[in-house]
């Protein structure tokens, strides 16, 4: 299982969690995202990717996050490459991913 610290944003309020976790879970064959723990650090407001093959691409994970009014783009290119490498190395069937287009669009717009 890989785990990388990123920033997740609540799209409505623009609040951020700079200590959110994104990664790839090999046994579950899914990308996952965890953000916004409660005061005790026990419960998470956002926890995606807990079921087998729930999010086989980062694009699917992002779509689910956006549906819940969260986002994790822009994603540092180093973390993006590590996640894609983790997936390519650990997934039983690698899948292409269009989130690279999202990152490139955001980066080139600056």
PDB file of N, CA and C in Angstrom:
ATOM      1  N   UNK A   1       0.849  -1.172   0.000  1.00  0.00           N
ATOM      2  CA  UNK A   1       0.000   0.000   0.000  1.00  0.00           C
ATOM      3  C   UNK A   1       0.894   1.235   0.000  1.00  0.00           C
ATOM      4  N   UNK A   2       0.553   2.169  -0.880  1.00  0.00           N
ATOM      5  CA  UNK A   2       1.280   3.435  -0.888  1.00  0.00           C
ATOM      6  C   UNK A   2       0.441   4.495  -0.194  1.00  0.00           C
ATOM      7  N   UNK A   3       1.120   5.489   0.381  1.00  0.00           N
ATOM      8  CA  UNK A   3       0.449   6.590   1.075  1.00  0.00           C
ATOM      9  C   UNK A   3       1.263   7.853   0.841  1.00  0.00           C
ATOM     10  N   UNK A   4       0.590   8.905   0.359  1.00  0.00           N
ATOM     11  CA  UNK A   4       1.253  10.177   0.112  1.00  0.00           C
ATOM     12  C   UNK A   4       0.401  11.300   0.695  1.00  0.00           C
ATOM     13  N   UNK A   5       1.056  12.274   1.299  1.00  0.00           N
ATOM     14  CA  UNK A   5       0.367  13.420   1.882  1.00  0.00           C
ATOM     15  C   UNK A   5       0.113  14.457   0.793  1.00  0.00           C
ATOM     16  N   UNK A   6      -1.149  14.880   0.701  1.00  0.00           N
ATOM     17  CA  UNK A   6      -1.556  15.893  -0.272  1.00  0.00           C
ATOM     18  C   UNK A   6      -2.494  16.881   0.414  1.00  0.00           C
ATOM     19  N   UNK A   7      -2.925  17.891  -0.330  1.00  0.00           N
ATOM     20  CA  UNK A   7      -3.929  18.828   0.152  1.00  0.00           C
ATOM     21  C   UNK A   7      -5.251  18.540  -0.547  1.00  0.00           C
ATOM     22  N   UNK A   8      -6.299  18.404   0.257  1.00  0.00           N
ATOM     23  CA  UNK A   8      -7.656  18.234  -0.262  1.00  0.00           C
ATOM     24  C   UNK A   8      -8.423  19.494   0.118  1.00  0.00           C
ATOM     25  N   UNK A   9      -9.250  19.965  -0.819  1.00  0.00           N
ATOM     26  CA  UNK A   9     -10.018  21.194  -0.636  1.00  0.00           C
ATOM     27  C   UNK A   9     -11.504  20.896  -0.654  1.00  0.00           C
ATOM     28  N   UNK A  10     -12.231  21.522   0.274  1.00  0.00           N
ATOM     29  CA  UNK A  10     -13.697  21.517   0.203  1.00  0.00           C
ATOM     30  C   UNK A  10     -14.054  22.549  -0.861  1.00  0.00           C
ATOM     31  N   UNK A  11     -14.722  22.128  -1.903  1.00  0.00           N
ATOM     32  CA  UNK A  11     -14.954  23.043  -3.019  1.00  0.00           C
ATOM     33  C   UNK A  11     -15.885  24.201  -2.667  1.00  0.00           C
ATOM     34  N   UNK A  12     -16.844  23.989  -1.791  1.00  0.00           N
ATOM     35  CA  UNK A  12     -17.784  25.057  -1.448  1.00  0.00           C
ATOM     36  C   UNK A  12     -17.142  26.140  -0.582  1.00  0.00           C
ATOM     37  N   UNK A  13     -16.421  25.742   0.445  1.00  0.00           N
ATOM     38  CA  UNK A  13     -15.872  26.710   1.400  1.00  0.00           C
ATOM     39  C   UNK A  13     -14.402  27.039   1.155  1.00  0.00           C
ATOM     40  N   UNK A  14     -13.734  26.259   0.332  1.00  0.00           N
ATOM     41  CA  UNK A  14     -12.300  26.400   0.044  1.00  0.00           C
ATOM     42  C   UNK A  14     -11.430  26.059   1.261  1.00  0.00           C
ATOM     43  N   UNK A  15     -12.024  25.439   2.307  1.00  0.00           N
ATOM     44  CA  UNK A  15     -11.229  24.937   3.429  1.00  0.00           C
ATOM     45  C   UNK A  15     -10.327  23.842   2.904  1.00  0.00           C
ATOM     46  N   UNK A  16      -9.129  23.712   3.507  1.00  0.00           N
ATOM     47  CA  UNK A  16      -8.197  22.694   3.042  1.00  0.00           C
ATOM     48  C   UNK A  16      -7.745  21.797   4.179  1.00  0.00           C
ATOM     49  N   UNK A  17      -7.381  20.597   3.811  1.00  0.00           N
ATOM     50  CA  UNK A  17      -6.715  19.656   4.709  1.00  0.00           C
ATOM     51  C   UNK A  17      -5.360  19.368   4.080  1.00  0.00           C
ATOM     52  N   UNK A  18      -4.304  20.025   4.570  1.00  0.00           N
ATOM     53  CA  UNK A  18      -2.969  19.844   3.982  1.00  0.00           C
ATOM     54  C   UNK A  18      -2.307  18.517   4.361  1.00  0.00           C
ATOM     55  N   UNK A  19      -2.970  17.734   5.199  1.00  0.00           N
ATOM     56  CA  UNK A  19      -2.432  16.451   5.637  1.00  0.00           C
ATOM     57  C   UNK A  19      -3.289  15.275   5.178  1.00  0.00           C
ATOM     58  N   UNK A  20      -4.016  15.472   4.096  1.00  0.00           N
ATOM     59  CA  UNK A  20      -4.834  14.390   3.539  1.00  0.00           C
ATOM     60  C   UNK A  20      -3.910  13.310   2.978  1.00  0.00           C
ATOM     61  N   UNK A  21      -4.446  12.112   2.845  1.00  0.00           N
ATOM     62  CA  UNK A  21      -3.663  10.971   2.362  1.00  0.00           C
ATOM     63  C   UNK A  21      -4.310  10.413   1.100  1.00  0.00           C
ATOM     64  N   UNK A  22      -3.474  10.187   0.087  1.00  0.00           N
ATOM     65  CA  UNK A  22      -3.901   9.523  -1.135  1.00  0.00           C
ATOM     66  C   UNK A  22      -2.958   8.355  -1.355  1.00  0.00           C
ATOM     67  N   UNK A  23      -3.446   7.293  -1.943  1.00  0.00           N
ATOM     68  CA  UNK A  23      -2.572   6.153  -2.182  1.00  0.00           C
ATOM     69  C   UNK A  23      -3.242   5.078  -2.994  1.00  0.00           C
ATOM     70  N   UNK A  24      -2.518   3.965  -3.102  1.00  0.00           N
ATOM     71  CA  UNK A  24      -3.040   2.798  -3.815  1.00  0.00           C
ATOM     72  C   UNK A  24      -2.952   1.602  -2.877  1.00  0.00           C
ATOM     73  N   UNK A  25      -4.068   0.903  -2.724  1.00  0.00           N
ATOM     74  CA  UNK A  25      -4.159  -0.260  -1.848  1.00  0.00           C
ATOM     75  C   UNK A  25      -4.139  -1.512  -2.722  1.00  0.00           C
ATOM     76  N   UNK A  26      -3.017  -2.216  -2.702  1.00  0.00           N
ATOM     77  CA  UNK A  26      -2.873  -3.394  -3.567  1.00  0.00           C
ATOM     78  C   UNK A  26      -3.876  -4.501  -3.251  1.00  0.00           C
ATOM     79  N   UNK A  27      -4.062  -4.888  -1.977  1.00  0.00           N
ATOM     80  CA  UNK A  27      -5.032  -5.961  -1.719  1.00  0.00           C
ATOM     81  C   UNK A  27      -6.448  -5.626  -2.207  1.00  0.00           C
ATOM     82  N   UNK A  28      -6.859  -4.367  -2.067  1.00  0.00           N
ATOM     83  CA  UNK A  28      -8.186  -3.975  -2.531  1.00  0.00           C
ATOM     84  C   UNK A  28      -8.197  -3.558  -4.001  1.00  0.00           C
ATOM     85  N   UNK A  29      -7.009  -3.391  -4.610  1.00  0.00           N
ATOM     86  CA  UNK A  29      -6.908  -2.983  -6.018  1.00  0.00           C
ATOM     87  C   UNK A  29      -7.672  -1.684  -6.270  1.00  0.00           C
ATOM     88  N   UNK A  30      -7.444  -0.690  -5.387  1.00  0.00           N
ATOM     89  CA  UNK A  30      -8.145   0.578  -5.510  1.00  0.00           C
ATOM     90  C   UNK A  30      -7.272   1.737  -5.050  1.00  0.00           C
ATOM     91  N   UNK A  31      -7.493   2.884  -5.666  1.00  0.00           N
ATOM     92  CA  UNK A  31      -6.936   4.120  -5.136  1.00  0.00           C
ATOM     93  C   UNK A  31      -7.811   4.532  -3.970  1.00  0.00           C
ATOM     94  N   UNK A  32      -7.232   5.255  -3.004  1.00  0.00           N
ATOM     95  CA  UNK A  32      -8.022   5.715  -1.868  1.00  0.00           C
ATOM     96  C   UNK A  32      -7.652   7.146  -1.511  1.00  0.00           C
ATOM     97  N   UNK A  33      -8.539   7.805  -0.775  1.00  0.00           N
ATOM     98  CA  UNK A  33      -8.356   9.190  -0.362  1.00  0.00           C
ATOM     99  C   UNK A  33      -8.949   9.354   1.028  1.00  0.00           C
ATOM    100  N   UNK A  34      -8.177   9.957   1.929  1.00  0.00           N
ATOM    101  CA  UNK A  34      -8.624  10.203   3.294  1.00  0.00           C
ATOM    102  C   UNK A  34      -8.355  11.659   3.636  1.00  0.00           C
ATOM    103  N   UNK A  35      -9.374  12.353   4.181  1.00  0.00           N
ATOM    104  CA  UNK A  35      -9.196  13.769   4.494  1.00  0.00           C
ATOM    105  C   UNK A  35     -10.165  14.220   5.576  1.00  0.00           C
ATOM    106  N   UNK A  36      -9.815  15.336   6.202  1.00  0.00           N
ATOM    107  CA  UNK A  36     -10.617  16.026   7.193  1.00  0.00           C
ATOM    108  C   UNK A  36     -11.005  15.141   8.375  1.00  0.00           C
ATOM    109  N   UNK A  37     -10.002  14.779   9.200  1.00  0.00           N
ATOM    110  CA  UNK A  37     -10.318  14.014  10.416  1.00  0.00           C
ATOM    111  C   UNK A  37     -11.054  14.893  11.425  1.00  0.00           C
ATOM    112  N   UNK A  38     -11.836  14.251  12.294  1.00  0.00           N
ATOM    113  CA  UNK A  38     -12.510  15.005  13.344  1.00  0.00           C
ATOM    114  C   UNK A  38     -11.490  15.409  14.410  1.00  0.00           C
ATOM    115  N   UNK A  39     -11.937  16.109  15.426  1.00  0.00           N
ATOM    116  CA  UNK A  39     -11.045  16.650  16.454  1.00  0.00           C
ATOM    117  C   UNK A  39     -10.223  15.564  17.155  1.00  0.00           C
ATOM    118  N   UNK A  40     -10.795  14.379  17.318  1.00  0.00           N
ATOM    119  CA  UNK A  40     -10.083  13.286  17.971  1.00  0.00           C
ATOM    120  C   UNK A  40      -9.212  12.506  16.992  1.00  0.00           C
ATOM    121  N   UNK A  41      -9.378  12.762  15.705  1.00  0.00           N
ATOM    122  CA  UNK A  41      -8.609  12.036  14.697  1.00  0.00           C
ATOM    123  C   UNK A  41      -9.107  10.627  14.454  1.00  0.00           C
ATOM    124  N   UNK A  42     -10.301  10.340  14.950  1.00  0.00           N
ATOM    125  CA  UNK A  42     -10.864   8.990  14.842  1.00  0.00           C
ATOM    126  C   UNK A  42     -11.659   8.784  13.544  1.00  0.00           C
ATOM    127  N   UNK A  43     -12.489   9.757  13.218  1.00  0.00           N
ATOM    128  CA  UNK A  43     -13.368   9.650  12.051  1.00  0.00           C
ATOM    129  C   UNK A  43     -12.909  10.630  10.982  1.00  0.00           C
ATOM    130  N   UNK A  44     -13.146  10.250   9.736  1.00  0.00           N
ATOM    131  CA  UNK A  44     -12.785  11.096   8.615  1.00  0.00           C
ATOM    132  C   UNK A  44     -14.048  11.585   7.916  1.00  0.00           C
ATOM    133  N   UNK A  45     -14.048  12.848   7.543  1.00  0.00           N
ATOM    134  CA  UNK A  45     -15.177  13.370   6.778  1.00  0.00           C
ATOM    135  C   UNK A  45     -15.185  12.781   5.366  1.00  0.00           C
ATOM    136  N   UNK A  46     -13.991  12.523   4.843  1.00  0.00           N
ATOM    137  CA  UNK A  46     -13.878  11.953   3.505  1.00  0.00           C
ATOM    138  C   UNK A  46     -12.973  10.732   3.562  1.00  0.00           C
ATOM    139  N   UNK A  47     -13.512   9.581   3.182  1.00  0.00           N
ATOM    140  CA  UNK A  47     -12.724   8.349   3.098  1.00  0.00           C
ATOM    141  C   UNK A  47     -13.266   7.545   1.929  1.00  0.00           C
ATOM    142  N   UNK A  48     -12.555   7.606   0.840  1.00  0.00           N
ATOM    143  CA  UNK A  48     -12.948   6.920  -0.384  1.00  0.00           C
ATOM    144  C   UNK A  48     -11.974   5.796  -0.679  1.00  0.00           C
ATOM    145  N   UNK A  49     -12.465   4.727  -1.281  1.00  0.00           N
ATOM    146  CA  UNK A  49     -11.600   3.623  -1.684  1.00  0.00           C
ATOM    147  C   UNK A  49     -11.463   2.546  -0.645  1.00  0.00           C
ATOM    148  N   UNK A  50     -12.586   2.131  -0.088  1.00  0.00           N
ATOM    149  CA  UNK A  50     -12.561   1.096   0.950  1.00  0.00           C
ATOM    150  C   UNK A  50     -13.065  -0.253   0.458  1.00  0.00           C
ATOM    151  N   UNK A  51     -13.540  -0.298  -0.791  1.00  0.00           N
ATOM    152  CA  UNK A  51     -14.073  -1.543  -1.333  1.00  0.00           C
ATOM    153  C   UNK A  51     -13.189  -2.068  -2.466  1.00  0.00           C
ATOM    154  N   UNK A  52     -13.269  -3.347  -2.707  1.00  0.00           N
ATOM    155  CA  UNK A  52     -12.481  -3.999  -3.746  1.00  0.00           C
ATOM    156  C   UNK A  52     -12.748  -3.351  -5.106  1.00  0.00           C
ATOM    157  N   UNK A  53     -11.669  -2.923  -5.759  1.00  0.00           N
ATOM    158  CA  UNK A  53     -11.710  -2.281  -7.083  1.00  0.00           C
ATOM    159  C   UNK A  53     -12.700  -1.131  -7.163  1.00  0.00           C
ATOM    160  N   UNK A  54     -12.860  -0.405  -6.086  1.00  0.00           N
ATOM    161  CA  UNK A  54     -13.814   0.705  -6.065  1.00  0.00           C
ATOM    162  C   UNK A  54     -13.387   1.834  -7.006  1.00  0.00           C
ATOM    163  N   UNK A  55     -12.098   2.186  -6.982  1.00  0.00           N
ATOM    164  CA  UNK A  55     -11.575   3.248  -7.845  1.00  0.00           C
ATOM    165  C   UNK A  55     -10.319   2.732  -8.525  1.00  0.00           C
ATOM    166  N   UNK A  56     -10.487   2.209  -9.721  1.00  0.00           N
ATOM    167  CA  UNK A  56      -9.361   1.627 -10.443  1.00  0.00           C
ATOM    168  C   UNK A  56      -8.555   2.672 -11.201  1.00  0.00           C
ATOM    169  N   UNK A  57      -9.001   3.904 -11.185  1.00  0.00           N
ATOM    170  CA  UNK A  57      -8.227   4.988 -11.789  1.00  0.00           C
ATOM    171  C   UNK A  57      -8.328   6.218 -10.899  1.00  0.00           C
ATOM    172  N   UNK A  58      -7.351   7.088 -11.031  1.00  0.00           N
ATOM    173  CA  UNK A  58      -7.394   8.344 -10.286  1.00  0.00           C
ATOM    174  C   UNK A  58      -8.542   9.225 -10.758  1.00  0.00           C
ATOM    175  N   UNK A  59      -8.899   9.109 -12.011  1.00  0.00           N
ATOM    176  CA  UNK A  59     -10.030   9.880 -12.535  1.00  0.00           C
ATOM    177  C   UNK A  59     -11.327   9.486 -11.832  1.00  0.00           C
ATOM    178  N   UNK A  60     -11.516   8.189 -11.606  1.00  0.00           N
ATOM    179  CA  UNK A  60     -12.702   7.723 -10.883  1.00  0.00           C
ATOM    180  C   UNK A  60     -12.698   8.252  -9.449  1.00  0.00           C
ATOM    181  N   UNK A  61     -11.537   8.231  -8.818  1.00  0.00           N
ATOM    182  CA  UNK A  61     -11.412   8.731  -7.445  1.00  0.00           C
ATOM    183  C   UNK A  61     -11.741  10.214  -7.390  1.00  0.00           C
ATOM    184  N   UNK A  62     -11.209  10.972  -8.336  1.00  0.00           N
ATOM    185  CA  UNK A  62     -11.474  12.418  -8.356  1.00  0.00           C
ATOM    186  C   UNK A  62     -12.952  12.695  -8.598  1.00  0.00           C
ATOM    187  N   UNK A  63     -13.575  11.979  -9.499  1.00  0.00           N
ATOM    188  CA  UNK A  63     -15.000  12.163  -9.771  1.00  0.00           C
ATOM    189  C   UNK A  63     -15.822  11.933  -8.504  1.00  0.00           C
ATOM    190  N   UNK A  64     -15.474  10.897  -7.754  1.00  0.00           N
ATOM    191  CA  UNK A  64     -16.187  10.612  -6.501  1.00  0.00           C
ATOM    192  C   UNK A  64     -15.938  11.713  -5.472  1.00  0.00           C
ATOM    193  N   UNK A  65     -14.725  12.215  -5.400  1.00  0.00           N
ATOM    194  CA  UNK A  65     -14.413  13.302  -4.467  1.00  0.00           C
ATOM    195  C   UNK A  65     -15.210  14.558  -4.829  1.00  0.00           C
ATOM    196  N   UNK A  66     -15.238  14.894  -6.109  1.00  0.00           N
ATOM    197  CA  UNK A  66     -15.974  16.074  -6.565  1.00  0.00           C
ATOM    198  C   UNK A  66     -17.466  15.925  -6.276  1.00  0.00           C
ATOM    199  N   UNK A  67     -17.999  14.728  -6.447  1.00  0.00           N
ATOM    200  CA  UNK A  67     -19.417  14.484  -6.158  1.00  0.00           C
ATOM    201  C   UNK A  67     -19.733  14.744  -4.686  1.00  0.00           C
ATOM    202  N   UNK A  68     -18.734  14.603  -3.843  1.00  0.00           N
ATOM    203  CA  UNK A  68     -18.909  14.853  -2.405  1.00  0.00           C
ATOM    204  C   UNK A  68     -18.431  16.250  -2.010  1.00  0.00           C
ATOM    205  N   UNK A  69     -18.122  17.076  -3.016  1.00  0.00           N
ATOM    206  CA  UNK A  69     -17.704  18.472  -2.849  1.00  0.00           C
ATOM    207  C   UNK A  69     -16.308  18.625  -2.259  1.00  0.00           C
ATOM    208  N   UNK A  70     -15.395  17.771  -2.742  1.00  0.00           N
ATOM    209  CA  UNK A  70     -13.982  17.854  -2.403  1.00  0.00           C
ATOM    210  C   UNK A  70     -13.177  17.753  -3.698  1.00  0.00           C
ATOM    211  N   UNK A  71     -11.933  18.213  -3.649  1.00  0.00           N
ATOM    212  CA  UNK A  71     -11.055  18.044  -4.810  1.00  0.00           C
ATOM    213  C   UNK A  71      -9.612  17.941  -4.334  1.00  0.00           C
ATOM    214  N   UNK A  72      -8.792  17.262  -5.129  1.00  0.00           N
ATOM    215  CA  UNK A  72      -7.372  17.133  -4.800  1.00  0.00           C
ATOM    216  C   UNK A  72      -6.473  17.568  -5.946  1.00  0.00           C
ATOM    217  N   UNK A  73      -7.021  18.326  -6.893  1.00  0.00           N
ATOM    218  CA  UNK A  73      -6.237  18.894  -7.986  1.00  0.00           C
ATOM    219  C   UNK A  73      -6.048  20.366  -7.670  1.00  0.00           C
ATOM    220  N   UNK A  74      -4.879  20.930  -7.774  1.00  0.00           N
ATOM    221  CA  UNK A  74      -3.700  20.356  -8.419  1.00  0.00           C
ATOM    222  C   UNK A  74      -2.996  19.335  -7.525  1.00  0.00           C
ATOM    223  N   UNK A  75      -2.469  18.335  -8.159  1.00  0.00           N
ATOM    224  CA  UNK A  75      -1.717  17.270  -7.507  1.00  0.00           C
ATOM    225  C   UNK A  75      -0.277  17.404  -7.973  1.00  0.00           C
ATOM    226  N   UNK A  76       0.651  17.446  -7.036  1.00  0.00           N
ATOM    227  CA  UNK A  76       2.063  17.581  -7.408  1.00  0.00           C
ATOM    228  C   UNK A  76       2.451  16.485  -8.389  1.00  0.00           C
ATOM    229  N   UNK A  77       3.181  16.861  -9.430  1.00  0.00           N
ATOM    230  CA  UNK A  77       3.533  15.885 -10.466  1.00  0.00           C
ATOM    231  C   UNK A  77       4.338  14.725  -9.905  1.00  0.00           C
ATOM    232  N   UNK A  78       5.171  14.964  -8.894  1.00  0.00           N
ATOM    233  CA  UNK A  78       5.939  13.873  -8.288  1.00  0.00           C
ATOM    234  C   UNK A  78       5.036  12.833  -7.651  1.00  0.00           C
ATOM    235  N   UNK A  79       3.998  13.293  -6.959  1.00  0.00           N
ATOM    236  CA  UNK A  79       3.051  12.363  -6.333  1.00  0.00           C
ATOM    237  C   UNK A  79       2.233  11.665  -7.398  1.00  0.00           C
ATOM    238  N   UNK A  80       1.816  12.391  -8.416  1.00  0.00           N
ATOM    239  CA  UNK A  80       1.069  11.782  -9.508  1.00  0.00           C
ATOM    240  C   UNK A  80       1.865  10.642 -10.130  1.00  0.00           C
ATOM    241  N   UNK A  81       3.135  10.877 -10.420  1.00  0.00           N
ATOM    242  CA  UNK A  81       3.960   9.840 -11.039  1.00  0.00           C
ATOM    243  C   UNK A  81       4.153   8.650 -10.103  1.00  0.00           C
ATOM    244  N   UNK A  82       4.326   8.918  -8.811  1.00  0.00           N
ATOM    245  CA  UNK A  82       4.467   7.817  -7.851  1.00  0.00           C
ATOM    246  C   UNK A  82       3.197   6.972  -7.792  1.00  0.00           C
ATOM    247  N   UNK A  83       2.039   7.629  -7.779  1.00  0.00           N
ATOM    248  CA  UNK A  83       0.775   6.893  -7.750  1.00  0.00           C
ATOM    249  C   UNK A  83       0.596   6.039  -9.003  1.00  0.00           C
ATOM    250  N   UNK A  84       0.895   6.625 -10.150  1.00  0.00           N
ATOM    251  CA  UNK A  84       0.764   5.869 -11.392  1.00  0.00           C
ATOM    252  C   UNK A  84       1.763   4.718 -11.440  1.00  0.00           C
ATOM    253  N   UNK A  85       2.975   4.926 -10.914  1.00  0.00           N
ATOM    254  CA  UNK A  85       3.955   3.842 -10.839  1.00  0.00           C
ATOM    255  C   UNK A  85       3.476   2.745  -9.891  1.00  0.00           C
ATOM    256  N   UNK A  86       2.939   3.145  -8.732  1.00  0.00           N
ATOM    257  CA  UNK A  86       2.406   2.164  -7.778  1.00  0.00           C
ATOM    258  C   UNK A  86       1.327   1.322  -8.443  1.00  0.00           C
ATOM    259  N   UNK A  87       0.437   1.986  -9.143  1.00  0.00           N
ATOM    260  CA  UNK A  87      -0.657   1.280  -9.810  1.00  0.00           C
ATOM    261  C   UNK A  87      -0.125   0.339 -10.881  1.00  0.00           C
ATOM    262  N   UNK A  88       0.781   0.824 -11.706  1.00  0.00           N
ATOM    263  CA  UNK A  88       1.330  -0.006 -12.790  1.00  0.00           C
ATOM    264  C   UNK A  88       2.051  -1.229 -12.232  1.00  0.00           C
ATOM    265  N   UNK A  89       2.738  -1.051 -11.113  1.00  0.00           N
ATOM    266  CA  UNK A  89       3.512  -2.136 -10.516  1.00  0.00           C
ATOM    267  C   UNK A  89       2.629  -3.116  -9.749  1.00  0.00           C
ATOM    268  N   UNK A  90       1.595  -2.620  -9.097  1.00  0.00           N
ATOM    269  CA  UNK A  90       0.836  -3.443  -8.155  1.00  0.00           C
ATOM    270  C   UNK A  90      -0.526  -3.914  -8.644  1.00  0.00           C
ATOM    271  N   UNK A  91      -1.091  -3.258  -9.636  1.00  0.00           N
ATOM    272  CA  UNK A  91      -2.435  -3.643 -10.104  1.00  0.00           C
ATOM    273  C   UNK A  91      -2.350  -4.933 -10.898  1.00  0.00           C
ATOM    274  N   UNK A  92      -3.399  -5.707 -10.816  1.00  0.00           N
ATOM    275  CA  UNK A  92      -3.463  -6.947 -11.580  1.00  0.00           C
ATOM    276  C   UNK A  92      -3.709  -6.680 -13.054  1.00  0.00           C
ATOM    277  N   UNK A  93      -4.306  -5.539 -13.361  1.00  0.00           N
ATOM    278  CA  UNK A  93      -4.535  -5.151 -14.753  1.00  0.00           C
ATOM    279  C   UNK A  93      -4.429  -3.629 -14.857  1.00  0.00           C
ATOM    280  N   UNK A  94      -3.272  -3.121 -15.270  1.00  0.00           N
ATOM    281  CA  UNK A  94      -3.077  -1.672 -15.382  1.00  0.00           C
ATOM    282  C   UNK A  94      -4.120  -1.035 -16.302  1.00  0.00           C
ATOM    283  N   UNK A  95      -4.521   0.188 -15.924  1.00  0.00           N
ATOM    284  CA  UNK A  95      -5.523   0.938 -16.665  1.00  0.00           C
ATOM    285  C   UNK A  95      -4.948   2.314 -16.953  1.00  0.00           C
ATOM    286  N   UNK A  96      -5.163   2.839 -18.148  1.00  0.00           N
ATOM    287  CA  UNK A  96      -4.701   4.189 -18.445  1.00  0.00           C
ATOM    288  C   UNK A  96      -5.511   5.176 -17.623  1.00  0.00           C
ATOM    289  N   UNK A  97      -4.986   6.378 -17.445  1.00  0.00           N
ATOM    290  CA  UNK A  97      -5.616   7.334 -16.556  1.00  0.00           C
ATOM    291  C   UNK A  97      -5.631   8.727 -17.158  1.00  0.00           C
ATOM    292  N   UNK A  98      -6.784   9.356 -17.186  1.00  0.00           N
ATOM    293  CA  UNK A  98      -6.898  10.681 -17.785  1.00  0.00           C
ATOM    294  C   UNK A  98      -6.644  11.809 -16.802  1.00  0.00           C
ATOM    295  N   UNK A  99      -6.353  11.508 -15.533  1.00  0.00           N
ATOM    296  CA  UNK A  99      -6.082  12.584 -14.585  1.00  0.00           C
ATOM    297  C   UNK A  99      -4.822  13.359 -14.981  1.00  0.00           C
ATOM    298  N   UNK A 100      -3.941  12.725 -15.740  1.00  0.00           N
ATOM    299  CA  UNK A 100      -2.755  13.422 -16.226  1.00  0.00           C
ATOM    300  C   UNK A 100      -3.181  14.641 -17.028  1.00  0.00           C
ATOM    301  N   UNK A 101      -4.239  14.513 -17.815  1.00  0.00           N
ATOM    302  CA  UNK A 101      -4.740  15.641 -18.587  1.00  0.00           C
ATOM    303  C   UNK A 101      -5.174  16.764 -17.662  1.00  0.00           C
ATOM    304  N   UNK A 102      -5.845  16.436 -16.550  1.00  0.00           N
ATOM    305  CA  UNK A 102      -6.275  17.452 -15.591  1.00  0.00           C
ATOM    306  C   UNK A 102      -5.075  18.193 -15.028  1.00  0.00           C
ATOM    307  N   UNK A 103      -4.046  17.453 -14.652  1.00  0.00           N
ATOM    308  CA  UNK A 103      -2.848  18.065 -14.072  1.00  0.00           C
ATOM    309  C   UNK A 103      -2.161  18.954 -15.099  1.00  0.00           C
ATOM    310  N   UNK A 104      -2.019  18.460 -16.321  1.00  0.00           N
ATOM    311  CA  UNK A 104      -1.362  19.241 -17.362  1.00  0.00           C
ATOM    312  C   UNK A 104      -2.137  20.501 -17.689  1.00  0.00           C
ATOM    313  N   UNK A 105      -3.461  20.416 -17.733  1.00  0.00           N
ATOM    314  CA  UNK A 105      -4.282  21.605 -17.995  1.00  0.00           C
ATOM    315  C   UNK A 105      -4.104  22.636 -16.910  1.00  0.00           C
ATOM    316  N   UNK A 106      -4.099  22.214 -15.650  1.00  0.00           N
ATOM    317  CA  UNK A 106      -3.938  23.150 -14.531  1.00  0.00           C
ATOM    318  C   UNK A 106      -2.545  23.752 -14.520  1.00  0.00           C
ATOM    319  N   UNK A 107      -1.526  22.944 -14.843  1.00  0.00           N
ATOM    320  CA  UNK A 107      -0.153  23.423 -14.830  1.00  0.00           C
ATOM    321  C   UNK A 107       0.085  24.405 -15.971  1.00  0.00           C
ATOM    322  N   UNK A 108      -0.431  24.114 -17.156  1.00  0.00           N
ATOM    323  CA  UNK A 108      -0.192  24.983 -18.310  1.00  0.00           C
ATOM    324  C   UNK A 108      -1.000  26.280 -18.214  1.00  0.00           C
ATOM    325  N   UNK A 109      -2.045  26.295 -17.408  1.00  0.00           N
ATOM    326  CA  UNK A 109      -2.869  27.506 -17.259  1.00  0.00           C
ATOM    327  C   UNK A 109      -2.193  28.542 -16.384  1.00  0.00           C
ATOM    328  N   UNK A 110      -1.137  28.161 -15.677  1.00  0.00           N
ATOM    329  CA  UNK A 110      -0.468  29.107 -14.763  1.00  0.00           C
ATOM    330  C   UNK A 110       0.491  30.001 -15.474  1.00  0.00           C
TER     331      UNK A 110
END
